[in-house]
Amino acid sequence: MKSVYLQFYPGINNIKGEIVKYEFLSLEMYSKPKTKAQREFNRNIMEVAESIKCQRFLQIIRHDYSFLAKDCLDGDFLEYFHKNADYHGPKFESARLHFELFCNNSCKFRDLSASLCEKYRYHLLHDKWLTDTDRTIAHNTASSYFNVFISMVKLAYRDNIISEDFTKDIKPIKWNHITHKEYLTPEEMFMLESIPYRKHPQLPTACLFSMHTGLRRSDILDLKWEHFVKRRNRIYIEKVIQKTGFFVSLPLSDDALRIIGKIKDKGPVFADLTVSILNIHIRKWLECSTITKHITFHSFRHTFAMMLTENGTPINIVAMLLGHRQLSSTQAYSKVTRKMAEEAITRSNDEFLKMKMKNR
């Protein structure tokens, strides 16, 4: 038997930049047919080969080289995910790690399908699958992780590694703009100041500093002493926000300065902390208190925003202090809190009593 193949002249570059001159068709025919049945078999094989050749001719005219990807289907999709996502930042890295847990650290390109996409979508929305908690992940976190996964599958399609875009009929997980943002009360903030954490001593300081500055986790970890600048007898943090690329000049309150302590000349402020340390140990630190709320590091940013809002700070100033590029991003903090409603009723009642006394 002999193999049947197509020869390309000139050769074609595949996704790795290699020149491909041959495509083996997984077809065989008799090299020396001796019977009528063998000769008929060879004719049928040549008809199949001719049909494939015509198809390839049309694909090349359309610049469709997806047929070159079939040898890549045994490639590691997780490695591809890692190379093309992680450099975007912690969100993309976390999305990859969650998908790796879902597929038990094994996923080839040939494993990708519309069915797999649907299963992963359901998994993110419904399954209690995190290793250290009995909760499902937050809806917007699920939306974010699923969007990253879908973008990687689409990228594999555009790179001609897979021949079909399995995501085109998959419903996205829509972002929920109306969510409850958990935050801490001033009493809870004061209580946490008295609770150390021996395993990672810098952790309480980082959390409390975020509560009084609104800095995201990425900016806390990126914070350097060089970002502390003195202007007109006040200390500012001046830096480019990691997420938005927006430059902020953030004046520090007396509480923020008290928490951060003596300002040094240079170097990282929280050199001993990492993303994983904050993710794992914030919960353990909070277990030392009486706080039962579901608090993440981002809740400290919410705390800062709500503290400003409840004190009557105009929303445009809140947006500036949070480093938001668009005012719409700050609208989530403009809702009326229970405290604000109670104070409004008290003021209204006081005004009514004053008017009543005046008219007597």
Protein backbone atom coordinates (compact mmCIF):
# COMPACT_ATOMS: atom_id res chain seq x y z
CA MET A 1 0.00 0.00 0.00
CA LYS A 2 1.11 3.58 -0.58
CA SER A 3 -0.03 6.82 1.01
CA VAL A 4 -1.87 9.52 -0.88
CA TYR A 5 -0.88 13.15 -0.29
CA LEU A 6 -1.21 16.61 -1.80
CA GLN A 7 1.86 18.65 -2.69
CA PHE A 8 1.76 22.46 -2.45
CA TYR A 9 3.94 24.58 -4.66
CA PRO A 10 5.03 27.03 -3.47
CA GLY A 11 4.80 25.92 0.14
CA ILE A 12 2.31 27.47 2.63
CA ASN A 13 3.22 28.99 6.00
CA ASN A 14 1.38 27.45 8.95
CA ILE A 15 0.61 29.26 12.24
CA LYS A 16 4.09 28.44 13.56
CA GLY A 17 5.71 30.10 10.55
CA GLU A 18 6.84 26.75 9.16
CA ILE A 19 6.60 26.07 5.42
CA VAL A 20 4.21 23.22 4.62
CA LYS A 21 4.72 21.48 1.27
CA TYR A 22 2.70 18.31 1.79
CA GLU A 23 -0.63 17.32 3.26
CA PHE A 24 -1.06 13.62 3.95
CA LEU A 25 -4.70 12.68 3.50
CA SER A 26 -4.81 9.53 5.66
CA LEU A 27 -5.66 7.61 2.49
CA GLU A 28 -3.93 4.53 1.13
CA MET A 29 -4.16 2.68 -2.17
CA TYR A 30 -2.67 -0.45 -3.65
CA SER A 31 0.76 0.21 -5.17
CA LYS A 32 0.34 -2.73 -7.58
CA PRO A 33 -3.35 -3.66 -7.89
CA LYS A 34 -3.75 -7.24 -9.07
CA THR A 35 -7.49 -7.75 -9.08
CA LYS A 36 -10.52 -5.91 -10.42
CA ALA A 37 -11.64 -5.12 -6.86
CA GLN A 38 -8.28 -3.58 -6.00
CA ARG A 39 -8.31 -1.46 -9.16
CA GLU A 40 -11.87 -0.28 -8.33
CA PHE A 41 -10.71 0.50 -4.79
CA ASN A 42 -7.84 2.64 -6.17
CA ARG A 43 -10.23 4.56 -8.45
CA ASN A 44 -12.49 5.36 -5.51
CA ILE A 45 -9.54 6.56 -3.44
CA MET A 46 -8.35 8.80 -6.28
CA GLU A 47 -11.83 10.30 -6.60
CA VAL A 48 -11.77 11.16 -2.90
CA ALA A 49 -8.26 12.62 -3.25
CA GLU A 50 -9.31 14.66 -6.29
CA SER A 51 -12.30 16.03 -4.38
CA ILE A 52 -10.04 17.10 -1.50
CA LYS A 53 -7.62 18.71 -3.97
CA CYS A 54 -10.42 20.81 -5.49
CA GLN A 55 -11.57 21.84 -2.01
CA ARG A 56 -8.03 22.88 -1.06
CA PHE A 57 -7.69 24.88 -4.27
CA LEU A 58 -10.81 26.89 -3.43
CA GLN A 59 -9.67 27.37 0.20
CA ILE A 60 -6.29 28.72 -0.91
CA ILE A 61 -7.99 31.18 -3.29
CA ARG A 62 -10.08 32.41 -0.31
CA HIS A 63 -6.95 32.52 1.89
CA ASP A 64 -8.57 29.96 4.18
CA TYR A 65 -5.74 27.86 5.61
CA SER A 66 -7.73 26.23 8.40
CA PHE A 67 -6.96 22.80 6.90
CA LEU A 68 -3.36 23.23 8.06
CA ALA A 69 -4.53 23.25 11.68
CA LYS A 70 -5.51 19.61 11.93
CA ASP A 71 -2.00 18.68 13.04
CA CYS A 72 -2.30 21.28 15.82
CA LEU A 73 -5.44 19.82 17.36
CA ASP A 74 -3.38 17.68 19.74
CA GLY A 75 -1.74 20.86 21.03
CA ASP A 76 -2.30 22.00 24.62
CA PHE A 77 -5.09 24.60 24.82
CA LEU A 78 -4.18 25.38 28.43
CA GLU A 79 -0.64 26.32 27.43
CA TYR A 80 -2.09 28.50 24.65
CA PHE A 81 -4.45 30.07 27.21
CA HIS A 82 -1.50 30.76 29.50
CA LYS A 83 0.64 32.40 26.80
CA ASN A 84 -2.12 34.59 25.41
CA ALA A 85 -4.00 35.59 28.55
CA ASP A 86 -1.74 35.89 31.59
CA TYR A 87 0.17 38.94 30.37
CA HIS A 88 -3.11 40.90 30.44
CA GLY A 89 -3.11 40.82 34.23
CA PRO A 90 -4.51 39.06 37.32
CA LYS A 91 -8.10 38.83 36.02
CA PHE A 92 -7.02 36.86 32.97
CA GLU A 93 -4.70 34.67 35.04
CA SER A 94 -7.51 33.90 37.50
CA ALA A 95 -9.85 33.08 34.60
CA ARG A 96 -7.31 30.58 33.27
CA LEU A 97 -6.80 28.97 36.68
CA HIS A 98 -10.57 28.52 37.09
CA PHE A 99 -10.87 26.86 33.70
CA GLU A 100 -7.96 24.56 34.53
CA LEU A 101 -9.82 23.42 37.65
CA PHE A 102 -12.93 22.80 35.57
CA CYS A 103 -11.13 20.60 33.02
CA ASN A 104 -8.84 18.87 35.55
CA ASN A 105 -5.72 20.47 34.06
CA SER A 106 -6.14 18.78 30.69
CA CYS A 107 -7.62 20.29 27.54
CA LYS A 108 -6.41 19.80 23.96
CA PHE A 109 -7.61 21.94 21.08
CA ARG A 110 -9.58 18.97 19.78
CA ASP A 111 -11.51 18.93 23.09
CA LEU A 112 -13.00 22.36 22.37
CA SER A 113 -16.63 22.27 21.30
CA ALA A 114 -19.91 24.16 21.65
CA SER A 115 -20.90 21.57 24.24
CA LEU A 116 -17.79 22.26 26.33
CA CYS A 117 -18.49 26.02 26.21
CA GLU A 118 -22.05 25.47 27.41
CA LYS A 119 -20.94 23.15 30.19
CA TYR A 120 -18.36 25.66 31.40
CA ARG A 121 -20.95 28.46 31.32
CA TYR A 122 -23.32 26.41 33.50
CA HIS A 123 -20.42 25.45 35.76
CA LEU A 124 -19.48 29.07 36.45
CA LEU A 125 -23.06 30.08 37.20
CA HIS A 126 -24.28 27.17 39.30
CA ASP A 127 -21.64 24.80 40.66
CA LYS A 128 -20.14 25.15 44.15
CA TRP A 129 -16.68 24.17 43.12
CA LEU A 130 -14.10 26.44 44.75
CA THR A 131 -11.70 24.50 46.94
CA ASP A 132 -11.95 26.65 50.07
CA THR A 133 -15.60 27.69 50.20
CA ASP A 134 -19.09 26.34 49.74
CA ARG A 135 -20.24 29.32 47.67
CA THR A 136 -20.66 29.76 43.94
CA ILE A 137 -18.54 32.55 42.56
CA ALA A 138 -20.12 35.99 42.18
CA HIS A 139 -22.23 36.51 39.06
CA ASN A 140 -20.04 39.30 37.66
CA THR A 141 -16.90 37.29 38.36
CA ALA A 142 -18.44 34.41 36.40
CA SER A 143 -19.22 36.83 33.57
CA SER A 144 -15.66 38.11 33.55
CA TYR A 145 -14.09 34.63 33.59
CA PHE A 146 -16.41 33.34 30.87
CA ASN A 147 -15.65 36.32 28.62
CA VAL A 148 -11.92 35.63 28.95
CA PHE A 149 -12.41 31.93 28.10
CA ILE A 150 -14.60 32.78 25.09
CA SER A 151 -12.01 35.27 23.82
CA MET A 152 -9.32 32.55 23.95
CA VAL A 153 -11.49 30.11 21.95
CA LYS A 154 -12.18 32.83 19.36
CA LEU A 155 -8.46 33.58 19.18
CA ALA A 156 -7.69 29.90 18.49
CA TYR A 157 -10.21 30.06 15.62
CA ARG A 158 -8.64 33.21 14.18
CA ASP A 159 -5.23 31.56 14.46
CA ASN A 160 -6.60 28.68 12.33
CA ILE A 161 -5.89 26.15 15.08
CA ILE A 162 -9.54 25.11 15.23
CA SER A 163 -11.69 25.11 12.10
CA GLU A 164 -14.92 26.34 13.70
CA ASP A 165 -15.86 29.19 16.02
CA PHE A 166 -17.69 27.22 18.71
CA THR A 167 -18.64 30.40 20.57
CA LYS A 168 -20.85 32.04 17.92
CA ASP A 169 -24.08 30.54 19.26
CA ILE A 170 -23.11 30.56 22.96
CA LYS A 171 -24.97 33.07 25.14
CA PRO A 172 -22.62 35.31 27.13
CA ILE A 173 -23.03 35.73 30.87
CA LYS A 174 -24.39 39.25 31.04
CA TRP A 175 -22.83 41.65 33.49
CA ASN A 176 -25.17 42.57 36.34
CA HIS A 177 -24.87 46.31 36.92
CA ILE A 178 -27.28 46.22 39.88
CA THR A 179 -25.38 44.27 42.52
CA HIS A 180 -25.07 44.55 46.25
CA LYS A 181 -21.61 45.88 47.06
CA GLU A 182 -20.61 44.75 50.54
CA TYR A 183 -18.75 47.28 52.65
CA LEU A 184 -17.69 47.88 56.23
CA THR A 185 -19.17 50.32 58.73
CA PRO A 186 -16.94 52.80 60.63
CA GLU A 187 -17.38 50.65 63.74
CA GLU A 188 -16.16 47.56 61.86
CA MET A 189 -13.22 49.49 60.41
CA PHE A 190 -12.22 50.66 63.89
CA MET A 191 -12.50 47.11 65.23
CA LEU A 192 -10.23 45.71 62.47
CA GLU A 193 -7.49 48.19 63.35
CA SER A 194 -6.97 46.32 66.62
CA ILE A 195 -6.68 42.86 65.00
CA PRO A 196 -3.14 41.89 63.86
CA TYR A 197 -2.29 38.92 61.63
CA ARG A 198 0.96 37.25 62.55
CA LYS A 199 1.28 35.04 59.46
CA HIS A 200 1.39 38.07 57.15
CA PRO A 201 1.88 41.22 59.26
CA GLN A 202 1.55 43.59 56.28
CA LEU A 203 -1.92 42.28 55.37
CA PRO A 204 -3.98 44.31 57.90
CA THR A 205 -2.10 47.49 56.94
CA ALA A 206 -2.77 46.92 53.22
CA CYS A 207 -6.47 46.27 53.84
CA LEU A 208 -6.95 49.26 56.15
CA PHE A 209 -4.99 51.53 53.79
CA SER A 210 -7.28 50.49 50.93
CA MET A 211 -10.31 51.37 53.09
CA HIS A 212 -8.97 54.91 53.50
CA THR A 213 -7.71 55.44 49.92
CA GLY A 214 -9.94 53.30 47.68
CA LEU A 215 -6.91 51.75 45.96
CA ARG A 216 -7.57 48.48 44.16
CA ARG A 217 -5.65 45.33 45.03
CA SER A 218 -3.43 45.70 41.93
CA ASP A 219 -2.48 49.27 42.91
CA ILE A 220 -1.85 48.30 46.54
CA LEU A 221 0.57 45.58 45.39
CA ASP A 222 2.17 48.00 42.89
CA LEU A 223 2.46 50.83 45.44
CA LYS A 224 5.95 52.24 45.96
CA TRP A 225 7.22 54.80 48.43
CA GLU A 226 8.18 56.93 45.44
CA HIS A 227 4.44 57.40 44.78
CA PHE A 228 4.12 59.40 48.03
CA VAL A 229 4.55 63.11 47.22
CA LYS A 230 4.31 66.13 49.52
CA ARG A 231 2.42 69.12 48.11
CA ARG A 232 1.35 72.20 50.11
CA ASN A 233 1.84 70.51 53.49
CA ARG A 234 -0.25 67.49 52.45
CA ILE A 235 0.86 64.02 51.37
CA TYR A 236 -0.51 62.70 48.06
CA ILE A 237 -0.26 59.39 46.25
CA GLU A 238 0.50 60.10 42.62
CA LYS A 239 0.53 57.12 40.29
CA VAL A 240 -0.94 55.60 37.16
CA ILE A 241 -3.84 53.27 37.98
CA GLN A 242 -3.05 49.72 36.86
CA LYS A 243 -6.50 48.88 35.52
CA THR A 244 -7.36 52.07 33.62
CA GLY A 245 -4.01 53.73 32.91
CA PHE A 246 -5.53 56.87 34.51
CA PHE A 247 -3.14 59.12 36.47
CA VAL A 248 -4.43 60.07 39.93
CA SER A 249 -3.25 62.53 42.52
CA LEU A 250 -4.89 61.23 45.69
CA PRO A 251 -4.69 63.34 48.89
CA LEU A 252 -4.24 61.17 51.96
CA SER A 253 -6.37 61.58 55.07
CA ASP A 254 -4.90 61.66 58.56
CA ASP A 255 -6.23 58.12 59.13
CA ALA A 256 -4.52 56.85 55.96
CA LEU A 257 -1.21 58.42 57.05
CA ARG A 258 -1.56 56.98 60.55
CA ILE A 259 -2.13 53.49 59.14
CA ILE A 260 0.75 53.58 56.65
CA GLY A 261 3.21 54.82 59.29
CA LYS A 262 6.59 56.35 58.54
CA ILE A 263 7.05 57.08 54.84
CA LYS A 264 10.30 55.73 53.42
CA ASP A 265 12.39 57.04 50.54
CA LYS A 266 11.95 54.25 47.99
CA GLY A 267 10.99 50.64 47.32
CA PRO A 268 7.71 48.68 47.38
CA VAL A 269 5.35 49.47 50.26
CA PHE A 270 3.90 45.94 50.56
CA ALA A 271 6.81 43.82 49.34
CA ASP A 272 5.73 40.75 51.35
CA LEU A 273 2.23 40.49 49.84
CA THR A 274 0.99 38.77 46.67
CA VAL A 275 -2.37 38.26 44.97
CA SER A 276 -2.68 34.73 46.34
CA ILE A 277 -1.82 35.82 49.90
CA LEU A 278 -4.52 38.48 49.81
CA ASN A 279 -7.07 36.12 48.26
CA ILE A 280 -6.53 33.37 50.83
CA HIS A 281 -5.64 35.18 54.03
CA ILE A 282 -8.09 38.10 54.12
CA ARG A 283 -10.82 35.61 55.01
CA LYS A 284 -8.62 34.08 57.71
CA TRP A 285 -7.83 37.52 59.14
CA LEU A 286 -11.51 38.44 59.21
CA GLU A 287 -12.30 35.19 61.04
CA CYS A 288 -10.48 36.73 64.02
CA SER A 289 -13.22 39.36 64.18
CA THR A 290 -16.99 39.21 64.63
CA ILE A 291 -17.63 40.29 61.02
CA THR A 292 -19.76 37.76 59.15
CA LYS A 293 -20.17 39.66 55.86
CA HIS A 294 -18.71 38.21 52.66
CA ILE A 295 -15.73 40.54 52.39
CA THR A 296 -13.15 40.50 49.61
CA PHE A 297 -10.30 42.93 49.03
CA HIS A 298 -12.50 44.89 46.62
CA SER A 299 -14.96 45.43 49.49
CA PHE A 300 -12.40 47.79 51.03
CA ARG A 301 -12.62 49.98 47.92
CA HIS A 302 -16.42 49.91 48.26
CA THR A 303 -16.00 50.94 51.90
CA PHE A 304 -13.99 54.02 50.90
CA ALA A 305 -16.52 54.96 48.20
CA MET A 306 -19.54 54.55 50.49
CA MET A 307 -17.81 56.49 53.27
CA LEU A 308 -17.42 59.42 50.86
CA THR A 309 -20.99 59.05 49.58
CA GLU A 310 -22.55 58.95 53.05
CA ASN A 311 -20.60 62.08 53.97
CA GLY A 312 -22.26 63.89 51.05
CA THR A 313 -19.26 64.01 48.69
CA PRO A 314 -20.41 64.94 45.14
CA ILE A 315 -20.30 62.00 42.75
CA ASN A 316 -17.83 63.68 40.38
CA ILE A 317 -15.32 64.01 43.23
CA VAL A 318 -15.92 60.37 44.27
CA ALA A 319 -15.21 59.38 40.64
CA MET A 320 -11.95 61.36 40.65
CA LEU A 321 -10.76 59.86 43.93
CA LEU A 322 -11.59 56.32 42.72
CA GLY A 323 -9.70 56.91 39.47
CA HIS A 324 -12.74 56.28 37.27
CA ARG A 325 -12.46 57.49 33.69
CA GLN A 326 -16.25 57.63 33.25
CA LEU A 327 -18.83 58.92 35.71
CA SER A 328 -21.08 55.95 34.85
CA SER A 329 -18.61 53.67 36.64
CA THR A 330 -19.29 55.57 39.86
CA GLN A 331 -23.08 55.46 39.62
CA ALA A 332 -23.15 52.16 41.55
CA TYR A 333 -22.09 54.08 44.67
CA SER A 334 -24.75 56.77 44.32
CA LYS A 335 -27.56 54.66 45.78
CA VAL A 336 -29.26 55.80 48.97
CA THR A 337 -28.02 53.83 51.97
CA ARG A 338 -30.02 53.09 55.11
CA LYS A 339 -27.97 55.62 57.04
CA MET A 340 -28.59 58.33 54.43
CA ALA A 341 -32.34 57.59 54.44
CA GLU A 342 -32.50 57.74 58.24
CA GLU A 343 -30.59 61.05 58.32
CA ALA A 344 -32.88 62.50 55.65
CA ILE A 345 -35.97 61.57 57.70
CA THR A 346 -34.38 63.03 60.85
CA ARG A 347 -33.56 66.31 59.08
CA SER A 348 -37.08 66.46 57.64
CA ASN A 349 -38.60 65.85 61.07
CA ASP A 350 -36.36 68.52 62.64
CA GLU A 351 -37.38 71.05 60.01
CA PHE A 352 -41.06 70.23 60.62
CA LEU A 353 -40.66 70.73 64.39
CA LYS A 354 -38.89 74.05 63.88
CA MET A 355 -41.67 75.26 61.60
CA LYS A 356 -44.30 74.08 64.07
CA MET A 357 -42.64 75.91 66.97
CA LYS A 358 -42.28 79.06 64.89
CA ASN A 359 -45.99 79.16 63.97
CA ARG A 360 -47.18 78.79 67.59
